[in-house]
Amino acid sequence: MQKIKLELKDKPIEPLVKRRRLAITPKRIILVIFILFLILVLGYFWKEICFLIKPPYLEVSQPPTDITTNQQSIEIIGKTSPFAYLTIKDLEVYIDKEGNFRKEIELSNGINNIKIEAKNRFGKTNIIIRRIIFNQ
């Protein structure tokens, strides 16, 4: 019987192609510009969809929440979206270009619930209720 002799040559395995990971190529530049453009377009559509879904912004700076007063009338001051339809105690209120509003309301003796409602053209509403106690 014959012995077969096998020899293995020890050679390190070398990669076929050496690549640089952060090489700037025209293809990568175009890809980055396309991705940035896509992010901007998606951001714009998200802003428009939120405009349609959310109710209008409404903030009442005066009067503060739940106060007691001895004045017959009180002035309601605040800010809302410039394109909103605003009512205070079911009376339409004028809104300027920046969305500011101001309305003088007569109070009755006792507790007065003042409902301030902003509605956009899609029917979404935002309501703030102020309770004011008037003591003569």
Protein backbone atom coordinates (compact mmCIF):
# COMPACT_ATOMS: atom_id res chain seq x y z
CA MET A 1 0.00 0.00 0.00
CA GLN A 2 1.19 3.41 -0.96
CA LYS A 3 0.96 6.48 1.19
CA ILE A 4 -0.28 9.64 -0.43
CA LYS A 5 1.36 12.76 0.76
CA LEU A 6 -0.70 15.97 0.71
CA GLU A 7 0.87 19.32 1.07
CA LEU A 8 -1.00 22.47 1.93
CA LYS A 9 0.56 25.74 1.13
CA ASP A 10 -0.10 28.40 3.73
CA LYS A 11 -1.11 31.55 1.88
CA PRO A 12 -3.11 34.32 3.48
CA ILE A 13 -6.51 34.96 1.95
CA GLU A 14 -6.57 38.32 0.25
CA PRO A 15 -9.70 40.19 -0.75
CA LEU A 16 -10.26 40.47 -4.44
CA VAL A 17 -11.14 44.18 -4.41
CA LYS A 18 -10.13 46.67 -1.76
CA ARG A 19 -12.80 49.35 -1.16
CA ARG A 20 -12.70 52.64 0.60
CA ARG A 21 -15.81 53.05 2.70
CA LEU A 22 -16.22 56.81 2.58
CA ALA A 23 -15.32 57.48 -1.00
CA ILE A 24 -17.21 60.43 -2.45
CA THR A 25 -18.57 59.58 -5.84
CA PRO A 26 -21.07 61.39 -8.08
CA LYS A 27 -23.52 58.54 -7.53
CA ARG A 28 -23.39 59.03 -3.74
CA ILE A 29 -23.73 62.81 -4.04
CA ILE A 30 -26.86 62.41 -6.19
CA LEU A 31 -28.23 59.87 -3.70
CA VAL A 32 -27.72 62.26 -0.76
CA ILE A 33 -29.36 65.13 -2.66
CA PHE A 34 -32.31 62.91 -3.57
CA ILE A 35 -32.76 61.79 0.04
CA LEU A 36 -32.67 65.41 1.28
CA PHE A 37 -35.24 66.41 -1.36
CA LEU A 38 -37.47 63.50 -0.35
CA ILE A 39 -37.26 64.51 3.34
CA LEU A 40 -38.23 68.10 2.46
CA VAL A 41 -41.22 66.97 0.36
CA LEU A 42 -42.43 64.61 3.08
CA GLY A 43 -42.04 67.38 5.70
CA TYR A 44 -44.13 69.74 3.58
CA PHE A 45 -46.91 67.16 3.17
CA TRP A 46 -46.83 66.42 6.92
CA LYS A 47 -47.28 70.14 7.68
CA GLU A 48 -50.24 70.38 5.30
CA ILE A 49 -51.89 67.25 6.67
CA CYS A 50 -51.52 68.55 10.25
CA PHE A 51 -53.14 71.81 9.12
CA LEU A 52 -56.17 69.83 7.94
CA ILE A 53 -56.40 67.51 10.95
CA LYS A 54 -55.67 69.79 13.91
CA PRO A 55 -58.09 72.36 15.31
CA PRO A 56 -57.02 76.02 15.09
CA TYR A 57 -54.66 77.49 17.67
CA LEU A 58 -56.47 79.40 20.45
CA GLU A 59 -54.98 81.27 23.41
CA VAL A 60 -56.80 83.57 25.84
CA SER A 61 -54.42 85.90 27.67
CA GLN A 62 -57.06 87.91 29.53
CA PRO A 63 -59.04 87.18 31.71
CA PRO A 64 -57.19 84.48 33.64
CA THR A 65 -58.94 81.25 34.60
CA ASP A 66 -61.67 81.36 37.28
CA ILE A 67 -61.63 84.91 38.66
CA THR A 68 -63.92 87.05 40.77
CA THR A 69 -64.56 90.66 39.81
CA ASN A 70 -66.76 93.59 40.77
CA GLN A 71 -66.70 95.26 37.33
CA GLN A 72 -69.84 95.11 35.17
CA SER A 73 -67.90 94.29 32.01
CA ILE A 74 -64.69 92.45 31.22
CA GLU A 75 -62.43 92.51 28.17
CA ILE A 76 -61.43 89.24 26.58
CA ILE A 77 -58.06 89.36 24.80
CA GLY A 78 -56.32 86.54 22.98
CA LYS A 79 -54.82 85.10 19.86
CA THR A 80 -55.93 82.49 17.36
CA SER A 81 -55.22 81.35 13.83
CA PRO A 82 -55.81 84.28 11.40
CA PHE A 83 -58.10 82.11 9.23
CA ALA A 84 -60.29 80.83 12.05
CA TYR A 85 -63.92 81.74 12.67
CA LEU A 86 -64.12 82.98 16.29
CA THR A 87 -67.16 83.31 18.53
CA ILE A 88 -67.42 84.46 22.14
CA LYS A 89 -70.74 83.64 23.83
CA ASP A 90 -72.08 82.78 20.34
CA LEU A 91 -71.24 86.27 19.02
CA GLU A 92 -68.86 86.58 16.06
CA VAL A 93 -65.60 88.38 16.86
CA TYR A 94 -63.24 90.23 14.50
CA ILE A 95 -59.71 88.79 14.13
CA ASP A 96 -56.85 90.91 12.73
CA LYS A 97 -54.13 89.74 10.28
CA GLU A 98 -51.94 88.31 13.06
CA GLY A 99 -54.85 86.47 14.72
CA ASN A 100 -55.30 88.84 17.69
CA PHE A 101 -58.78 89.50 19.02
CA ARG A 102 -60.38 91.71 21.66
CA LYS A 103 -64.03 91.76 22.85
CA GLU A 104 -65.82 93.55 25.69
CA ILE A 105 -68.40 91.32 27.44
CA GLU A 106 -71.12 92.43 29.86
CA LEU A 107 -71.38 90.26 32.98
CA SER A 108 -74.49 89.22 34.87
CA ASN A 109 -74.60 88.83 38.63
CA GLY A 110 -73.22 85.47 39.80
CA ILE A 111 -71.26 82.93 37.79
CA ASN A 112 -70.65 83.72 34.11
CA ASN A 113 -69.48 80.92 31.83
CA ILE A 114 -67.83 82.49 28.80
CA LYS A 115 -67.31 80.11 25.88
CA ILE A 116 -64.59 81.12 23.41
CA GLU A 117 -64.65 78.95 20.29
CA ALA A 118 -62.34 78.97 17.26
CA LYS A 119 -63.38 76.92 14.23
CA ASN A 120 -61.48 76.37 11.00
CA ARG A 121 -62.99 75.92 7.55
CA PHE A 122 -62.85 72.13 7.91
CA GLY A 123 -65.08 72.14 11.00
CA LYS A 124 -62.37 71.45 13.59
CA THR A 125 -62.97 73.44 16.78
CA ASN A 126 -60.95 74.53 19.78
CA ILE A 127 -62.93 75.71 22.82
CA ILE A 128 -61.82 77.55 25.96
CA ILE A 129 -64.28 78.24 28.77
CA ARG A 130 -63.63 80.97 31.36
CA ARG A 131 -65.70 81.12 34.56
CA ILE A 132 -66.01 84.61 35.98
CA ILE A 133 -67.86 85.43 39.18
CA PHE A 134 -69.38 88.91 39.23
CA ASN A 135 -70.25 90.42 42.64
CA GLN A 136 -72.04 93.76 42.63
